[in-house]
């Protein structure tokens, strides 16, 4: 029986004149209305918005734990299978004659910067410190809080949240979008990745819905990263300038400082996005990578280098051995205090992180697709899933390991434990260095934070415009880049002022859920497409 030919044409109607010339009106307008409605609701009815969003957040984290954990496990299996399956692994994301546009260094730098670069500066220190104090082993009485027997557990759980599970999300979306766009010449949008399942029905309302879900998830996922980043930016500026007005009574960024920080960052973002991927984003990513290497060398020379080296080796071993259990264990309340604490911990940490990865996936995945034309699927999976994970592990063991060593030895005397998340790295500098050198390192970190934030934000803005413009990126998008850049900054500022980082976190978790279903369908779709293309090749 002959196979049906694949869908090679997916028309998406776009406007032919006016402000939305070249853009899909349903996708662009409805996405902006959804984001604007969230901002307006939070401003006009802050208490009601906060209450309802928190209820939704609690419901999702409590009732979709198994969904998110098994979902991430399935993404890892799909990506790994694609890399080792000969029929898929050797296929190019593009035509046979296509060659990669960027060098491996620039390619990797842009991947890391857009993916989780800014998160490293906060969570490579904050998360191991948190897990050193409490994690499932501590809750079950199998290890002692802040004890020597708990150091290995701190890394095992940190690696789970920042390792191949996170990058499998990005790799899956990027692989699916690149495959259908570069091999079948379909629009570079989320809907194109589902053509083997829904065919040309995706040209209409169903396709619009898929792209709208991707746009909203992108904006909320980027907002989460930028919210954490601007807090660290303000903490760094305070360490450099000493301006008391920058901080509030809790030691975190004051309202006016956060707003001013966002103005600076989003202004730089708009300028970078207007310059395009090959200029602003590429150069900022390369700068970020160089500064990251400098900062890692600092921890290697001045930090707990031997401690970090042992933590890396042992942590990797523990992570790989425990991975099957980590990816499939679901803790549910059974009426006991221990079970309730385990369930709460898993919802607050693992489920939240996996939801964040899903929300990040549309824009990081599409960005990976845009910069990966000409690479094989095997090279793409290894480059997008394995290498960034290893880079993350190095950060967590050398930077976070130095923090744990300082607290465990008593040198920090609780200063790192007590510092706000974004300020922990600066607290470490004050312990390790003279005041003058601590100031110099604070400047370096602030510059690195800005480059990571701008890379993340302008990648998100460019991806949103690409989806809205039916997969095209033209000069017509310039005014929309400004609109989305301003809108993203206003949304972050509004949610920060109304409910702080928790408000952004809540909105992100809610926005991620619909796209998680789209991602699962993408995995099924790309596997089906590669299998059937193989059958067609054999039949020819």
Protein backbone atom coordinates (compact mmCIF):
# COMPACT_ATOMS: atom_id res chain seq x y z
CA UNK A 1 0.00 0.00 0.00
CA UNK A 2 1.47 3.34 -1.08
CA UNK A 3 2.09 5.94 1.61
CA UNK A 4 0.40 9.29 1.33
CA UNK A 5 2.81 12.07 0.37
CA UNK A 6 3.83 14.34 3.27
CA UNK A 7 2.42 17.83 3.68
CA UNK A 8 4.83 20.13 1.87
CA UNK A 9 2.67 23.24 1.81
CA UNK A 10 0.95 24.77 4.83
CA UNK A 11 -0.51 28.14 3.85
CA UNK A 12 -0.95 30.57 6.75
CA UNK A 13 -2.94 33.67 5.87
CA UNK A 14 -1.17 36.92 6.71
CA UNK A 15 -2.21 40.54 6.38
CA UNK A 16 -1.15 42.30 3.17
CA UNK A 17 -1.19 45.87 4.42
CA UNK A 18 -1.22 48.04 7.52
CA UNK A 19 0.57 47.58 10.83
CA UNK A 20 0.12 43.79 10.67
CA UNK A 21 1.47 43.50 7.12
CA UNK A 22 3.11 40.07 6.86
CA UNK A 23 1.68 38.87 10.19
CA UNK A 24 -1.11 36.45 11.05
CA UNK A 25 -3.73 38.69 12.59
CA UNK A 26 -5.42 35.96 14.73
CA UNK A 27 -2.11 34.83 16.24
CA UNK A 28 -0.59 38.28 16.75
CA UNK A 29 -3.67 40.11 18.02
CA UNK A 30 -5.02 37.37 20.28
CA UNK A 31 -1.58 36.76 21.82
CA UNK A 32 -1.19 40.45 22.59
CA UNK A 33 -4.71 40.61 24.01
CA UNK A 34 -4.04 37.67 26.34
CA UNK A 35 -0.82 39.21 27.64
CA UNK A 36 -2.41 42.67 27.92
CA UNK A 37 -5.41 41.21 29.78
CA UNK A 38 -3.09 39.59 32.32
CA UNK A 39 -1.31 42.91 32.88
CA UNK A 40 -4.57 44.88 33.17
CA UNK A 41 -6.12 42.31 35.52
CA UNK A 42 -3.06 42.38 37.79
CA UNK A 43 -3.07 46.19 37.90
CA UNK A 44 -6.80 46.79 38.39
CA UNK A 45 -7.62 43.81 40.63
CA UNK A 46 -4.30 42.83 42.23
CA UNK A 47 -5.78 40.94 45.20
CA UNK A 48 -8.29 39.02 43.09
CA UNK A 49 -5.68 38.24 40.44
CA UNK A 50 -3.20 37.05 43.04
CA UNK A 51 -5.76 34.84 44.78
CA UNK A 52 -7.09 33.18 41.61
CA UNK A 53 -3.66 32.69 40.07
CA UNK A 54 -2.38 31.10 43.30
CA UNK A 55 -5.32 28.69 43.36
CA UNK A 56 -4.63 27.65 39.77
CA UNK A 57 -0.94 27.32 40.55
CA UNK A 58 -1.55 25.10 43.59
CA UNK A 59 -3.99 22.94 41.63
CA UNK A 60 -1.56 22.41 38.74
CA UNK A 61 1.47 21.68 40.93
CA UNK A 62 -0.55 19.25 43.05
CA UNK A 63 -2.49 17.44 40.32
CA UNK A 64 -0.11 17.43 37.37
CA UNK A 65 3.06 16.23 39.11
CA UNK A 66 2.96 12.83 37.42
CA UNK A 67 2.18 14.43 34.04
CA UNK A 68 5.22 16.73 34.11
CA UNK A 69 7.66 14.16 35.49
CA UNK A 70 6.72 11.42 33.02
CA UNK A 71 6.54 13.99 30.22
CA UNK A 72 10.17 15.00 30.74
CA UNK A 73 11.18 11.33 30.91
CA UNK A 74 9.46 10.73 27.55
CA UNK A 75 11.30 13.70 25.97
CA UNK A 76 14.66 12.27 27.07
CA UNK A 77 13.78 8.89 25.59
CA UNK A 78 12.57 10.38 22.30
CA UNK A 79 15.65 12.59 21.82
CA UNK A 80 18.05 9.79 22.77
CA UNK A 81 16.33 7.40 20.39
CA UNK A 82 16.51 9.92 17.55
CA UNK A 83 20.27 10.33 18.09
CA UNK A 84 21.07 6.60 18.14
CA UNK A 85 18.52 5.53 15.48
CA UNK A 86 20.66 5.38 12.31
CA UNK A 87 17.81 6.36 10.01
CA UNK A 88 17.25 9.53 12.01
CA UNK A 89 20.64 10.41 13.46
CA UNK A 90 22.39 10.90 10.13
CA UNK A 91 19.63 13.07 8.64
CA UNK A 92 20.44 16.73 8.20
CA UNK A 93 18.19 19.43 9.54
CA UNK A 94 18.07 20.88 6.08
CA UNK A 95 18.81 19.85 2.53
CA UNK A 96 21.85 17.62 1.78
CA UNK A 97 23.87 20.58 0.51
CA UNK A 98 23.14 22.82 3.55
CA UNK A 99 26.07 23.67 5.82
CA UNK A 100 25.91 25.20 9.35
CA UNK A 101 25.79 28.99 9.41
CA UNK A 102 27.64 29.41 12.71
CA UNK A 103 30.85 27.97 14.13
CA UNK A 104 30.45 25.41 16.92
CA UNK A 105 31.65 27.95 19.51
CA UNK A 106 29.09 30.58 18.45
CA UNK A 107 26.41 27.88 18.10
CA UNK A 108 27.03 26.56 21.58
CA UNK A 109 27.34 30.07 23.05
CA UNK A 110 23.97 31.12 21.63
CA UNK A 111 22.33 27.90 22.82
CA UNK A 112 23.62 28.29 26.34
CA UNK A 113 22.91 32.01 26.54
CA UNK A 114 19.33 31.70 25.31
CA UNK A 115 18.65 28.52 27.29
CA UNK A 116 19.72 28.90 30.89
CA UNK A 117 22.72 31.21 30.99
CA UNK A 118 21.15 33.77 33.31
CA UNK A 119 19.83 31.04 35.60
CA UNK A 120 23.36 29.81 36.21
CA UNK A 121 24.40 33.00 37.95
CA UNK A 122 21.63 32.64 40.54
CA UNK A 123 20.84 28.97 40.83
CA UNK A 124 24.27 27.37 40.42
CA UNK A 125 24.89 28.68 43.93
CA UNK A 126 21.42 29.04 45.42
CA UNK A 127 20.07 25.61 44.51
CA UNK A 128 22.90 23.38 45.84
CA UNK A 129 22.80 25.45 49.03
CA UNK A 130 19.04 24.85 49.35
CA UNK A 131 19.34 21.12 48.71
CA UNK A 132 22.30 20.91 51.09
CA UNK A 133 19.88 22.03 53.80
CA UNK A 134 16.80 20.07 52.69
CA UNK A 135 15.85 17.47 50.10
CA UNK A 136 13.90 14.18 49.95
CA UNK A 137 16.67 12.26 51.72
CA UNK A 138 16.59 14.72 54.61
CA UNK A 139 12.79 14.56 54.76
CA UNK A 140 12.96 10.75 54.95
CA UNK A 141 15.67 10.80 57.61
CA UNK A 142 18.28 9.27 55.30
CA UNK A 143 20.65 12.26 55.51
CA UNK A 144 21.23 15.17 57.87
CA UNK A 145 20.51 18.78 56.94
CA UNK A 146 23.72 20.68 56.10
CA UNK A 147 25.70 17.58 57.02
CA UNK A 148 28.57 15.92 55.22
CA UNK A 149 26.34 12.97 54.33
CA UNK A 150 24.03 15.32 52.41
CA UNK A 151 26.53 16.94 50.03
CA UNK A 152 26.12 14.30 47.32
CA UNK A 153 22.34 14.56 47.51
CA UNK A 154 22.52 18.32 46.93
CA UNK A 155 24.12 17.72 43.54
CA UNK A 156 21.96 14.81 42.53
CA UNK A 157 18.82 16.93 42.82
CA UNK A 158 20.43 20.02 41.28
CA UNK A 159 21.54 17.97 38.28
CA UNK A 160 18.03 16.58 37.87
CA UNK A 161 16.58 20.07 37.49
CA UNK A 162 19.30 21.55 35.27
CA UNK A 163 20.49 18.50 33.35
CA UNK A 164 19.38 16.58 30.30
CA UNK A 165 15.69 16.71 31.26
CA UNK A 166 15.62 20.47 30.78
CA UNK A 167 17.65 20.37 27.59
CA UNK A 168 15.60 17.48 26.18
CA UNK A 169 12.63 19.88 26.20
CA UNK A 170 14.52 22.42 24.13
CA UNK A 171 16.08 19.82 21.85
CA UNK A 172 12.75 18.16 21.11
CA UNK A 173 11.05 21.40 20.07
CA UNK A 174 14.09 22.60 18.13
CA UNK A 175 14.48 19.29 16.31
CA UNK A 176 10.79 19.14 15.37
CA UNK A 177 10.66 22.73 14.11
CA UNK A 178 13.93 22.46 12.20
CA UNK A 179 12.98 19.14 10.61
CA UNK A 180 9.68 20.32 9.20
CA UNK A 181 10.91 23.79 8.26
CA UNK A 182 14.25 22.90 6.65
CA UNK A 183 13.51 19.47 5.19
CA UNK A 184 9.89 20.01 4.15
CA UNK A 185 10.09 23.79 3.64
CA UNK A 186 7.15 24.47 5.97
CA UNK A 187 6.80 27.71 7.97
CA UNK A 188 9.07 27.93 11.04
CA UNK A 189 6.18 27.84 13.52
CA UNK A 190 4.93 25.48 16.20
CA UNK A 191 1.99 24.32 14.08
CA UNK A 192 4.20 22.98 11.28
CA UNK A 193 5.61 20.37 13.67
CA UNK A 194 2.19 18.73 13.95
CA UNK A 195 1.43 18.29 10.22
CA UNK A 196 1.88 14.48 10.25
CA UNK A 197 -0.94 14.32 12.81
CA UNK A 198 -3.37 17.03 11.66
CA UNK A 199 -2.37 17.84 8.09
CA UNK A 200 -3.71 20.98 6.44
CA UNK A 201 -6.26 21.53 9.20
CA UNK A 202 -3.38 23.45 10.83
CA UNK A 203 -3.79 26.26 8.29
CA UNK A 204 -6.92 27.38 10.13
CA UNK A 205 -8.10 27.93 13.72
CA UNK A 206 -6.42 24.78 15.08
CA UNK A 207 -3.04 26.00 13.87
CA UNK A 208 -3.70 29.50 15.18
CA UNK A 209 -4.45 28.02 18.61
CA UNK A 210 -1.20 26.03 18.63
CA UNK A 211 0.85 29.11 17.74
CA UNK A 212 -0.95 31.31 20.29
CA UNK A 213 -0.23 28.76 23.02
CA UNK A 214 3.44 28.80 21.98
CA UNK A 215 3.62 32.62 22.00
CA UNK A 216 2.02 32.97 25.45
CA UNK A 217 4.23 30.21 26.91
CA UNK A 218 7.28 31.94 25.44
CA UNK A 219 6.43 35.31 26.97
CA UNK A 220 5.69 33.82 30.41
CA UNK A 221 8.77 31.57 30.37
CA UNK A 222 11.01 34.49 29.45
CA UNK A 223 9.34 36.64 32.12
CA UNK A 224 10.27 34.07 34.77
CA UNK A 225 13.95 34.10 33.79
CA UNK A 226 14.06 37.89 33.47
CA UNK A 227 12.33 38.35 36.82
CA UNK A 228 15.04 36.39 38.62
CA UNK A 229 17.73 38.07 36.53
CA UNK A 230 16.69 41.65 37.24
CA UNK A 231 16.70 40.89 40.98
CA UNK A 232 20.32 39.76 40.68
CA UNK A 233 21.17 42.75 38.51
CA UNK A 234 19.88 45.12 41.22
CA UNK A 235 21.79 43.20 43.93
CA UNK A 236 24.96 43.53 41.88
CA UNK A 237 24.51 47.25 41.28
CA UNK A 238 23.99 47.68 45.04
CA UNK A 239 27.24 45.82 45.76
CA UNK A 240 29.04 48.08 43.28
CA UNK A 241 27.50 51.45 44.21
CA UNK A 242 26.31 50.97 47.78
CA UNK A 243 23.10 52.90 47.07
CA UNK A 244 20.70 52.07 49.92
CA UNK A 245 17.66 53.02 47.80
CA UNK A 246 18.29 49.98 45.59
CA UNK A 247 17.12 47.53 48.27
CA UNK A 248 13.94 47.16 50.32
CA UNK A 249 13.62 46.12 53.97
CA UNK A 250 13.91 42.43 53.03
CA UNK A 251 17.26 42.99 51.33
CA UNK A 252 15.93 42.41 47.81
CA UNK A 253 15.45 44.93 45.00
CA UNK A 254 13.24 47.93 45.72
CA UNK A 255 10.35 48.68 43.38
CA UNK A 256 11.98 51.69 41.75
CA UNK A 257 15.28 49.82 41.31
CA UNK A 258 13.56 46.86 39.65
CA UNK A 259 11.66 49.11 37.26
CA UNK A 260 14.79 51.08 36.33
CA UNK A 261 16.70 47.82 35.87
CA UNK A 262 14.02 46.55 33.52
CA UNK A 263 14.11 49.79 31.51
CA UNK A 264 17.87 49.38 30.99
CA UNK A 265 17.66 45.69 30.12
CA UNK A 266 14.65 45.90 27.82
CA UNK A 267 16.09 48.94 26.05
CA UNK A 268 19.26 46.98 25.30
CA UNK A 269 17.10 44.00 24.32
CA UNK A 270 15.16 45.94 21.71
CA UNK A 271 18.36 47.29 20.15
CA UNK A 272 19.92 43.83 20.06
CA UNK A 273 16.79 42.21 18.62
CA UNK A 274 16.58 44.84 15.89
CA UNK A 275 20.13 43.95 14.82
CA UNK A 276 19.17 40.29 14.26
CA UNK A 277 20.57 36.86 15.16
CA UNK A 278 23.79 37.17 13.20
CA UNK A 279 24.85 40.43 14.84
CA UNK A 280 23.60 41.48 18.28
CA UNK A 281 22.60 38.07 19.61
CA UNK A 282 25.69 36.33 18.22
CA UNK A 283 28.12 38.87 19.65
CA UNK A 284 26.37 39.10 23.02
CA UNK A 285 26.35 35.31 23.26
CA UNK A 286 30.07 35.11 22.49
CA UNK A 287 30.80 37.80 25.09
CA UNK A 288 28.66 35.93 27.62
CA UNK A 289 30.50 32.69 27.01
CA UNK A 290 33.93 34.32 27.38
CA UNK A 291 32.91 36.04 30.63
CA UNK A 292 31.40 32.77 31.88
CA UNK A 293 34.70 31.01 31.29
CA UNK A 294 36.52 33.80 33.15
CA UNK A 295 34.13 33.45 36.10
CA UNK A 296 34.53 29.67 36.14
CA UNK A 297 38.31 30.08 36.11
CA UNK A 298 37.93 32.38 39.12
CA UNK A 299 36.13 29.65 41.05
CA UNK A 300 38.75 27.15 39.91
CA UNK A 301 41.60 29.32 41.21
CA UNK A 302 40.07 31.01 44.27
CA UNK A 303 37.22 28.67 45.13
CA UNK A 304 37.06 25.12 46.42
CA UNK A 305 38.56 23.62 43.25
CA UNK A 306 39.32 20.13 44.61
CA UNK A 307 35.93 20.01 46.32
CA UNK A 308 34.28 21.05 43.05
CA UNK A 309 36.19 18.47 41.01
CA UNK A 310 35.15 15.65 43.35
CA UNK A 311 31.58 16.94 43.40
CA UNK A 312 31.49 16.92 39.59
CA UNK A 313 32.68 13.32 39.27
CA UNK A 314 30.65 11.92 42.15
CA UNK A 315 27.61 14.02 41.26
CA UNK A 316 27.62 12.77 37.68
CA UNK A 317 27.88 9.16 38.90
CA UNK A 318 25.02 9.61 41.39
CA UNK A 319 22.89 11.39 38.80
CA UNK A 320 23.31 8.74 36.11
CA UNK A 321 22.73 5.85 38.54
CA UNK A 322 19.68 7.47 40.14
CA UNK A 323 18.18 8.85 36.92
CA UNK A 324 15.59 6.08 36.35
CA UNK A 325 14.29 6.54 39.86
CA UNK A 326 14.45 10.35 39.70
CA UNK A 327 12.48 10.46 36.45
CA UNK A 328 9.69 8.10 37.43
CA UNK A 329 9.16 8.48 41.19
CA UNK A 330 5.98 10.36 42.13
CA UNK A 331 5.35 11.21 45.77
CA UNK A 332 1.70 11.52 46.72
CA UNK A 333 0.16 12.33 50.12
CA UNK A 334 -1.05 9.28 52.06
CA UNK A 335 -2.02 10.95 55.31
CA UNK A 336 1.46 10.88 56.85
CA UNK A 337 3.57 13.97 57.48
CA UNK A 338 6.55 12.56 55.59
CA UNK A 339 4.52 11.80 52.46
CA UNK A 340 2.99 15.27 52.53
CA UNK A 341 6.42 16.90 52.85
CA UNK A 342 7.82 14.81 50.00
CA UNK A 343 4.85 15.72 47.78
CA UNK A 344 5.18 19.41 48.65
CA UNK A 345 8.93 19.36 47.99
CA UNK A 346 8.51 17.68 44.63
CA UNK A 347 5.80 20.14 43.57
CA UNK A 348 7.81 23.18 44.68
CA UNK A 349 11.05 22.04 43.07
CA UNK A 350 10.91 19.32 40.42
CA UNK A 351 7.43 19.97 39.03
CA UNK A 352 7.99 23.73 39.04
CA UNK A 353 11.29 23.37 37.20
CA UNK A 354 9.85 21.00 34.61
CA UNK A 355 6.95 23.39 34.01
CA UNK A 356 9.47 26.21 33.60
CA UNK A 357 11.40 24.14 31.04
CA UNK A 358 8.18 23.55 29.10
CA UNK A 359 7.39 27.28 29.12
CA UNK A 360 10.95 28.01 27.96
CA UNK A 361 10.83 25.33 25.26
CA UNK A 362 8.96 27.15 22.45
CA UNK A 363 11.36 30.05 22.28
CA UNK A 364 14.58 28.20 23.10
CA UNK A 365 13.57 25.36 20.78
CA UNK A 366 12.72 27.68 17.89
CA UNK A 367 15.88 29.67 18.51
CA UNK A 368 17.90 26.44 18.39
CA UNK A 369 16.14 25.57 15.14
CA UNK A 370 16.99 28.96 13.63
CA UNK A 371 20.71 28.57 14.36
CA UNK A 372 21.04 24.84 13.58
CA UNK A 373 20.26 24.47 9.89
CA UNK A 374 22.69 22.09 8.22
CA UNK A 375 23.52 20.02 11.31
CA UNK A 376 22.58 16.36 11.58
CA UNK A 377 19.96 15.23 14.09
CA UNK A 378 22.65 13.32 16.02
CA UNK A 379 24.91 16.38 16.18
CA UNK A 380 21.95 18.56 17.14
CA UNK A 381 20.84 16.29 20.00
CA UNK A 382 24.37 15.91 21.37
CA UNK A 383 25.00 19.63 21.03
CA UNK A 384 21.65 20.76 22.42
CA UNK A 385 21.09 18.15 25.14
CA UNK A 386 24.41 16.76 26.37
CA UNK A 387 26.97 19.58 26.09
CA UNK A 388 24.88 22.32 27.79
CA UNK A 389 24.01 19.86 30.59
CA UNK A 390 27.70 19.20 31.22
CA UNK A 391 28.37 22.95 31.25
CA UNK A 392 25.59 23.37 33.80
CA UNK A 393 27.07 20.60 35.98
CA UNK A 394 30.47 22.32 35.95
CA UNK A 395 28.84 25.57 37.11
CA UNK A 396 26.93 23.85 39.90
CA UNK A 397 29.93 21.95 41.22
CA UNK A 398 32.54 24.71 41.05
CA UNK A 399 30.42 27.71 41.97
CA UNK A 400 27.87 25.94 44.16
CA UNK A 401 30.53 23.64 45.57
CA UNK A 402 32.54 26.65 46.74
CA UNK A 403 29.43 27.96 48.54
CA UNK A 404 28.77 24.62 50.24
CA UNK A 405 32.42 24.28 51.23
CA UNK A 406 32.45 27.78 52.75
CA UNK A 407 29.33 27.07 54.81
CA UNK A 408 30.31 23.52 55.78
CA UNK A 409 33.76 24.64 56.94
CA UNK A 410 32.27 27.51 58.95
CA UNK A 411 34.12 30.25 57.05
CA UNK A 412 30.89 31.74 55.72
CA UNK A 413 29.25 31.64 59.16
CA UNK A 414 25.78 31.51 57.61
CA UNK A 415 26.29 34.56 55.36
CA UNK A 416 25.59 32.63 52.14
CA UNK A 417 22.65 30.78 53.68
CA UNK A 418 21.10 34.10 54.74
CA UNK A 419 21.70 36.08 51.52
CA UNK A 420 18.82 36.42 49.01
CA UNK A 421 19.11 34.08 46.04
CA UNK A 422 20.48 36.64 43.60
CA UNK A 423 22.90 38.03 46.17
CA UNK A 424 24.54 34.75 47.20
CA UNK A 425 27.28 35.00 44.56
CA UNK A 426 28.21 38.49 45.78
CA UNK A 427 28.24 37.29 49.40
CA UNK A 428 30.73 34.62 48.33
CA UNK A 429 33.03 37.22 46.79
CA UNK A 430 33.12 39.20 50.04
CA UNK A 431 34.20 36.07 51.93
CA UNK A 432 36.81 34.93 49.41
CA UNK A 433 38.36 38.25 48.35
CA UNK A 434 39.55 41.63 49.51
CA UNK A 435 36.98 44.46 49.22
CA UNK A 436 38.64 45.83 46.07
CA UNK A 437 38.73 42.44 44.31
CA UNK A 438 35.18 41.65 45.43
CA UNK A 439 34.08 44.92 43.80
CA UNK A 440 35.84 44.02 40.53
CA UNK A 441 34.19 40.59 40.45
CA UNK A 442 30.81 42.17 41.19
CA UNK A 443 31.25 44.38 38.11
CA UNK A 444 32.09 41.33 35.99
CA UNK A 445 29.00 39.48 37.22
CA UNK A 446 26.73 42.47 36.58
CA UNK A 447 28.01 42.74 32.99
CA UNK A 448 27.49 38.99 32.57
CA UNK A 449 23.97 39.21 34.00
CA UNK A 450 23.09 41.96 31.53
CA UNK A 451 24.44 40.07 28.52
CA UNK A 452 22.59 36.90 29.54
CA UNK A 453 19.36 38.80 30.19
CA UNK A 454 19.50 40.66 26.90
CA UNK A 455 20.30 37.45 24.99
CA UNK A 456 17.36 35.68 26.63
CA UNK A 457 14.92 38.53 26.10
CA UNK A 458 15.81 39.36 22.49
CA UNK A 459 15.75 35.67 21.57
CA UNK A 460 12.23 35.48 22.99
CA UNK A 461 11.09 38.61 21.15
CA UNK A 462 12.49 37.43 17.83
CA UNK A 463 10.89 34.00 18.24
CA UNK A 464 7.49 35.50 19.11
CA UNK A 465 7.66 37.64 15.98
CA UNK A 466 8.68 34.68 13.84
CA UNK A 467 5.70 32.65 15.03
CA UNK A 468 3.34 35.60 14.56
CA UNK A 469 4.69 36.25 11.04
CA UNK A 470 3.94 32.68 9.87
CA UNK A 471 7.56 31.62 10.22
CA UNK A 472 9.12 34.58 8.42
CA UNK A 473 11.63 37.08 9.78
CA UNK A 474 11.68 40.27 7.73
CA UNK A 475 12.23 43.97 8.20
CA UNK A 476 8.47 44.33 8.66
CA UNK A 477 8.92 42.89 12.16
CA UNK A 478 10.89 45.90 13.47
CA UNK A 479 7.91 47.77 14.90
CA UNK A 480 6.57 44.55 16.43
CA UNK A 481 9.95 43.90 18.05
CA UNK A 482 9.57 47.22 19.85
CA UNK A 483 5.97 46.44 20.86
CA UNK A 484 6.82 43.01 22.25
CA UNK A 485 9.98 44.29 23.96
CA UNK A 486 8.03 47.03 25.72
CA UNK A 487 5.14 44.67 26.48
CA UNK A 488 7.42 42.05 28.01
CA UNK A 489 9.09 44.64 30.21
CA UNK A 490 5.74 46.11 31.33
CA UNK A 491 4.37 42.66 32.17
CA UNK A 492 7.41 41.73 34.27
CA UNK A 493 7.34 45.08 36.06
CA UNK A 494 3.61 44.77 36.75
CA UNK A 495 3.81 41.25 38.15
CA UNK A 496 6.91 42.10 40.21
CA UNK A 497 5.23 45.14 41.73
CA UNK A 498 1.91 43.38 42.36
CA UNK A 499 3.09 40.02 43.68
CA UNK A 500 6.85 39.76 43.33
CA UNK A 501 8.55 36.76 41.78
CA UNK A 502 5.80 34.45 43.02
CA UNK A 503 3.29 36.19 40.72
CA UNK A 504 5.54 35.61 37.69
CA UNK A 505 6.14 32.02 38.78
CA UNK A 506 2.40 31.39 39.09
CA UNK A 507 1.58 32.86 35.68
CA UNK A 508 4.37 30.83 34.08
CA UNK A 509 3.22 27.50 35.57
CA UNK A 510 -0.32 28.11 34.29
CA UNK A 511 0.86 29.16 30.81
CA UNK A 512 3.12 26.11 30.47
CA UNK A 513 0.38 23.49 30.85
CA UNK A 514 -1.29 23.85 27.41
CA UNK A 515 2.05 23.83 25.61
CA UNK A 516 3.11 20.65 27.41
CA UNK A 517 0.45 18.79 25.41
CA UNK A 518 1.67 20.41 22.18
CA UNK A 519 5.21 19.23 22.99
CA UNK A 520 4.12 15.65 23.50
CA UNK A 521 2.35 15.74 20.13
CA UNK A 522 5.53 17.19 18.57
CA UNK A 523 7.52 14.19 19.78
CA UNK A 524 5.03 11.74 18.29
CA UNK A 525 4.82 13.79 15.09
CA UNK A 526 8.54 14.03 14.33
CA UNK A 527 9.07 10.32 15.07
CA UNK A 528 6.21 9.44 12.71
CA UNK A 529 7.57 11.77 10.02
CA UNK A 530 11.10 10.35 10.11
CA UNK A 531 9.84 6.76 10.08
CA UNK A 532 7.53 7.36 7.11
CA UNK A 533 10.17 9.33 5.23
CA UNK A 534 12.42 6.31 5.65
CA UNK A 535 9.76 4.03 4.18
CA UNK A 536 9.27 6.42 1.26
CA UNK A 537 13.02 6.46 0.61
CA UNK A 538 13.13 2.67 0.51
CA UNK A 539 10.17 2.53 -1.86
CA UNK A 540 11.80 4.92 -4.36
